[in-house]
């Protein structure tokens, strides 16, 4: 009875989004056909590959009581489209703050951040929300799947808020679940999945709006070594097939070594 009640609530929620919109950017055909049999494998980015993330002398200071704490100190970096970049450093080094800047979740105290050639500080709240929604997907150490939603419904949540048409959304979810290798679990609840399967679902959810950038905060922190390696391989597959830029915050040196390059932070600055 409990599952039937939940399904009814979900159906009512989905019905709110059953309207085609010209502004919808994501389609299942794009996911399936972007890299067809005649397309070359995407090579590692080169210096001539367009920049997708740029930080220019970025600092971030927080006021805590009467103290001022500098979380980032004059950070400048450039990340090219299609790169896999690892961000490492000790606890308190500024990794999370840097990820918040790139994810447009916070604004710098000074300096300039450009995400896909857009300056978040110059955007209205609505346009900033659209930039996050359409350009950036988030993957966290804690998977944050809704326990009362089945796997395919969890993956679809960002597409609902992006108001994708139901047919397009369902096709996209199906394609993504196949790509990350868990389509046979689409009607399972999160508690019925292993840690590796749950993280794959979280990655599929991050990809459902076809973002250009994936930000992964300790994505393997709750996984064993075998599943950790599988998740990193999945990120590489996503980069190769979709051209997605992947940024991984990790304290695991072996995971960081799998990236194209490593950015190490120390006391808020690039070491």
Protein backbone atom coordinates (compact mmCIF):
# COMPACT_ATOMS: atom_id res chain seq x y z
CA UNK A 1 0.00 0.00 0.00
CA UNK A 2 2.85 2.35 0.85
CA UNK A 3 4.42 2.01 -2.61
CA UNK A 4 1.06 2.58 -4.34
CA UNK A 5 0.52 5.79 -2.41
CA UNK A 6 4.01 6.96 -3.29
CA UNK A 7 3.51 6.18 -6.97
CA UNK A 8 0.29 8.21 -7.00
CA UNK A 9 2.06 11.19 -5.48
CA UNK A 10 4.84 10.87 -8.03
CA UNK A 11 2.39 10.66 -10.94
CA UNK A 12 0.68 13.83 -9.76
CA UNK A 13 4.04 15.55 -9.50
CA UNK A 14 5.14 14.44 -12.98
CA UNK A 15 1.88 15.70 -14.47
CA UNK A 16 2.90 19.23 -13.57
CA UNK A 17 5.71 19.04 -16.12
CA UNK A 18 3.89 17.53 -19.09
CA UNK A 19 4.32 20.42 -21.51
CA UNK A 20 6.80 20.76 -24.43
CA UNK A 21 9.01 23.84 -24.24
CA UNK A 22 11.09 25.34 -27.02
CA UNK A 23 13.86 26.10 -24.52
CA UNK A 24 14.51 22.43 -23.70
CA UNK A 25 18.19 21.79 -24.47
CA UNK A 26 18.45 18.13 -23.68
CA UNK A 27 17.09 15.35 -25.87
CA UNK A 28 17.65 11.62 -25.73
CA UNK A 29 18.74 11.61 -29.39
CA UNK A 30 21.57 13.96 -28.56
CA UNK A 31 22.84 11.66 -25.83
CA UNK A 32 22.65 8.60 -28.06
CA UNK A 33 23.94 10.14 -31.26
CA UNK A 34 26.50 12.78 -30.25
CA UNK A 35 29.23 10.17 -30.64
CA UNK A 36 28.02 7.66 -33.25
CA UNK A 37 30.05 5.01 -35.02
CA UNK A 38 31.49 7.52 -37.46
CA UNK A 39 32.61 9.96 -34.76
CA UNK A 40 36.25 9.97 -33.67
CA UNK A 41 37.08 9.24 -30.04
CA UNK A 42 37.49 12.49 -28.12
CA UNK A 43 41.16 13.11 -27.41
CA UNK A 44 42.54 14.72 -24.29
CA UNK A 45 42.15 18.49 -24.39
CA UNK A 46 45.04 20.52 -25.73
CA UNK A 47 45.94 24.18 -25.07
CA UNK A 48 43.90 25.04 -28.17
CA UNK A 49 40.72 23.49 -26.72
CA UNK A 50 38.30 26.23 -25.60
CA UNK A 51 38.33 27.25 -21.96
CA UNK A 52 35.22 26.38 -20.02
CA UNK A 53 36.35 27.50 -16.54
CA UNK A 54 38.57 30.44 -15.71
CA UNK A 55 39.49 31.95 -12.33
CA UNK A 56 41.52 35.16 -12.33
CA UNK A 57 43.08 36.23 -8.99
CA UNK A 58 40.12 34.89 -7.02
CA UNK A 59 40.04 35.33 -3.24
CA UNK A 60 37.29 34.48 -0.78
CA UNK A 61 37.13 35.79 2.77
CA UNK A 62 34.54 34.80 5.36
CA UNK A 63 33.72 36.77 8.45
CA UNK A 64 33.38 34.55 11.51
CA UNK A 65 32.52 36.63 14.54
CA UNK A 66 35.22 39.27 14.73
CA UNK A 67 37.65 37.22 12.67
CA UNK A 68 38.14 37.25 8.91
CA UNK A 69 39.16 33.92 7.45
CA UNK A 70 40.62 33.71 3.94
CA UNK A 71 39.44 30.48 2.33
CA UNK A 72 40.93 31.25 -1.11
CA UNK A 73 43.98 33.41 -1.65
CA UNK A 74 44.62 34.85 -5.13
CA UNK A 75 43.78 31.69 -7.08
CA UNK A 76 44.14 31.75 -10.87
CA UNK A 77 43.50 28.71 -13.03
CA UNK A 78 42.14 27.71 -16.43
CA UNK A 79 40.36 24.46 -17.27
CA UNK A 80 39.72 23.43 -20.87
CA UNK A 81 36.57 21.76 -22.16
CA UNK A 82 36.80 17.98 -21.83
CA UNK A 83 39.49 17.91 -19.18
CA UNK A 84 39.42 15.65 -16.14
CA UNK A 85 40.98 17.64 -13.30
CA UNK A 86 41.61 16.50 -9.73
CA UNK A 87 41.67 19.04 -6.90
CA UNK A 88 43.57 17.86 -3.83
CA UNK A 89 44.80 19.28 -0.55
CA UNK A 90 44.52 18.82 3.19
CA UNK A 91 41.32 19.49 5.09
CA UNK A 92 40.80 23.25 5.27
CA UNK A 93 42.99 23.95 2.24
CA UNK A 94 40.14 25.55 0.29
CA UNK A 95 38.99 22.65 -1.90
CA UNK A 96 35.30 22.96 -1.04
CA UNK A 97 35.35 26.74 -1.42
CA UNK A 98 36.96 26.43 -4.85
CA UNK A 99 34.31 23.93 -5.88
CA UNK A 100 31.60 26.34 -4.70
CA UNK A 101 33.10 29.10 -6.86
CA UNK A 102 33.17 26.85 -9.93
CA UNK A 103 29.68 25.56 -9.17
CA UNK A 104 28.28 29.11 -8.88
CA UNK A 105 27.15 28.35 -5.33
CA UNK A 106 29.14 31.25 -3.89
CA UNK A 107 30.75 34.42 -5.19
CA UNK A 108 34.36 35.57 -4.71
CA UNK A 109 35.33 38.45 -2.47
CA UNK A 110 37.62 39.61 -5.25
CA UNK A 111 38.74 38.42 -8.65
CA UNK A 112 36.78 37.04 -11.60
CA UNK A 113 35.18 33.66 -12.23
CA UNK A 114 34.04 32.73 -15.74
CA UNK A 115 31.97 29.60 -16.34
CA UNK A 116 31.34 28.83 -20.01
CA UNK A 117 32.24 32.48 -20.79
CA UNK A 118 29.70 33.80 -18.27
CA UNK A 119 30.48 35.82 -15.15
CA UNK A 120 28.15 34.59 -12.35
CA UNK A 121 28.47 37.92 -10.50
CA UNK A 122 26.87 39.75 -13.42
CA UNK A 123 23.89 37.40 -13.77
CA UNK A 124 20.44 37.86 -12.27
CA UNK A 125 19.29 35.22 -9.80
CA UNK A 126 17.15 33.62 -12.51
CA UNK A 127 19.96 33.49 -15.08
CA UNK A 128 22.40 32.24 -12.44
CA UNK A 129 19.99 29.44 -11.60
CA UNK A 130 19.70 28.55 -15.29
CA UNK A 131 23.50 28.51 -15.63
CA UNK A 132 23.79 26.01 -12.78
CA UNK A 133 20.88 23.96 -14.08
CA UNK A 134 22.03 23.74 -17.68
CA UNK A 135 25.81 23.82 -17.42
CA UNK A 136 26.78 22.10 -14.18
CA UNK A 137 25.98 18.70 -12.70
CA UNK A 138 26.89 17.83 -9.11
CA UNK A 139 27.99 14.46 -7.70
CA UNK A 140 28.57 14.18 -3.95
CA UNK A 141 30.15 11.72 -1.53
CA UNK A 142 26.75 11.32 0.12
CA UNK A 143 24.57 10.24 -2.76
CA UNK A 144 21.46 12.25 -1.76
CA UNK A 145 19.04 9.97 -3.57
CA UNK A 146 15.47 10.25 -2.31
CA UNK A 147 14.64 7.00 -0.45
CA UNK A 148 10.95 7.12 -1.43
CA UNK A 149 11.66 7.38 -5.19
CA UNK A 150 12.62 4.52 -7.45
CA UNK A 151 15.93 4.72 -9.28
CA UNK A 152 14.59 6.07 -12.58
CA UNK A 153 12.50 8.65 -10.73
CA UNK A 154 15.55 9.81 -8.73
CA UNK A 155 17.55 10.27 -11.93
CA UNK A 156 14.69 12.26 -13.49
CA UNK A 157 14.39 14.86 -10.70
CA UNK A 158 16.68 17.55 -12.25
CA UNK A 159 14.89 17.12 -15.60
CA UNK A 160 11.56 17.75 -13.86
CA UNK A 161 12.78 21.07 -12.54
CA UNK A 162 14.19 21.88 -15.98
CA UNK A 163 10.67 21.18 -17.32
CA UNK A 164 11.73 18.62 -19.87
CA UNK A 165 8.74 17.05 -21.67
CA UNK A 166 7.83 13.70 -20.12
CA UNK A 167 8.65 11.67 -23.24
CA UNK A 168 12.07 13.29 -23.67
CA UNK A 169 12.81 12.95 -19.97
CA UNK A 170 11.92 9.25 -19.90
CA UNK A 171 14.02 8.52 -22.99
CA UNK A 172 16.94 10.45 -21.53
CA UNK A 173 16.75 8.60 -18.22
CA UNK A 174 16.63 5.24 -20.00
CA UNK A 175 19.65 6.11 -22.13
CA UNK A 176 21.66 7.30 -19.13
CA UNK A 177 20.86 4.27 -16.99
CA UNK A 178 22.07 2.09 -19.86
CA UNK A 179 25.24 4.15 -20.20
CA UNK A 180 26.15 3.85 -16.52
CA UNK A 181 25.27 0.15 -16.47
CA UNK A 182 22.33 0.00 -14.04
CA UNK A 183 19.25 -0.04 -16.29
CA UNK A 184 18.17 -3.39 -14.84
CA UNK A 185 17.75 -1.66 -11.46
CA UNK A 186 15.60 1.20 -12.72
CA UNK A 187 12.57 0.17 -10.60
CA UNK A 188 14.55 -0.46 -7.42
CA UNK A 189 14.62 1.86 -4.42
CA UNK A 190 18.01 3.23 -3.24
CA UNK A 191 18.07 0.91 -0.20
CA UNK A 192 18.03 -2.05 -2.62
CA UNK A 193 21.26 -0.95 -4.35
CA UNK A 194 24.93 -1.37 -3.52
CA UNK A 195 27.14 1.66 -2.87
CA UNK A 196 28.66 1.48 -6.35
CA UNK A 197 25.24 1.21 -7.99
CA UNK A 198 23.95 4.14 -5.95
CA UNK A 199 26.87 6.34 -6.99
CA UNK A 200 26.30 5.40 -10.63
CA UNK A 201 22.70 6.52 -10.20
CA UNK A 202 23.91 9.81 -8.73
CA UNK A 203 26.17 10.31 -11.75
CA UNK A 204 23.29 9.58 -14.13
CA UNK A 205 21.18 12.13 -12.25
CA UNK A 206 23.95 14.72 -12.62
CA UNK A 207 23.99 14.09 -16.38
CA UNK A 208 20.25 14.17 -17.04
CA UNK A 209 20.27 17.84 -18.15
CA UNK A 210 23.41 17.24 -20.26
CA UNK A 211 25.69 19.65 -18.40
CA UNK A 212 29.01 20.67 -19.86
CA UNK A 213 30.67 20.33 -16.44
CA UNK A 214 30.48 17.66 -13.75
CA UNK A 215 31.67 18.63 -10.26
CA UNK A 216 32.35 15.57 -8.10
CA UNK A 217 33.05 16.16 -4.40
CA UNK A 218 34.79 13.08 -2.95
CA UNK A 219 32.70 10.83 -5.23
CA UNK A 220 34.52 7.67 -4.15
CA UNK A 221 34.80 8.47 -0.45
CA UNK A 222 32.16 5.92 0.57
CA UNK A 223 33.28 3.20 -1.86
CA UNK A 224 35.81 0.38 -1.76
CA UNK A 225 38.80 0.35 -4.10
CA UNK A 226 37.10 -1.77 -6.77
CA UNK A 227 34.03 0.44 -6.97
CA UNK A 228 36.19 3.58 -6.77
CA UNK A 229 38.16 2.48 -9.82
CA UNK A 230 34.90 1.69 -11.65
CA UNK A 231 33.52 5.18 -10.94
CA UNK A 232 36.68 6.85 -12.27
CA UNK A 233 36.47 4.67 -15.39
CA UNK A 234 32.88 5.83 -15.77
CA UNK A 235 33.96 9.48 -15.60
CA UNK A 236 36.51 8.77 -18.33
CA UNK A 237 33.81 7.15 -20.45
CA UNK A 238 31.54 10.18 -19.96
CA UNK A 239 34.35 12.49 -21.04
CA UNK A 240 35.13 10.39 -24.11
CA UNK A 241 31.53 9.93 -25.25
CA UNK A 242 29.95 13.26 -24.28
CA UNK A 243 32.92 15.64 -24.07
CA UNK A 244 32.01 16.52 -20.48
CA UNK A 245 34.51 18.38 -18.31
CA UNK A 246 34.96 16.53 -15.01
CA UNK A 247 36.38 18.09 -11.86
CA UNK A 248 37.00 15.74 -8.93
CA UNK A 249 37.77 16.89 -5.40
CA UNK A 250 39.57 14.03 -3.67
CA UNK A 251 42.00 13.27 -0.88
CA UNK A 252 42.83 9.92 -2.50
CA UNK A 253 46.18 10.15 -4.25
CA UNK A 254 45.49 7.10 -6.46
CA UNK A 255 42.22 8.62 -7.66
CA UNK A 256 43.90 11.97 -8.36
CA UNK A 257 46.56 10.24 -10.47
CA UNK A 258 43.84 9.10 -12.91
CA UNK A 259 43.06 12.72 -13.88
CA UNK A 260 44.64 14.62 -16.76
CA UNK A 261 46.20 16.94 -14.21
CA UNK A 262 46.17 17.69 -10.49
CA UNK A 263 45.62 21.05 -8.79
CA UNK A 264 46.86 21.03 -5.20
CA UNK A 265 45.67 23.63 -2.69
CA UNK A 266 47.44 24.70 0.47
CA UNK A 267 46.11 27.41 2.81
CA UNK A 268 43.72 28.62 0.11
CA UNK A 269 46.38 28.98 -2.59
CA UNK A 270 47.58 26.76 -5.42
CA UNK A 271 50.68 24.98 -4.17
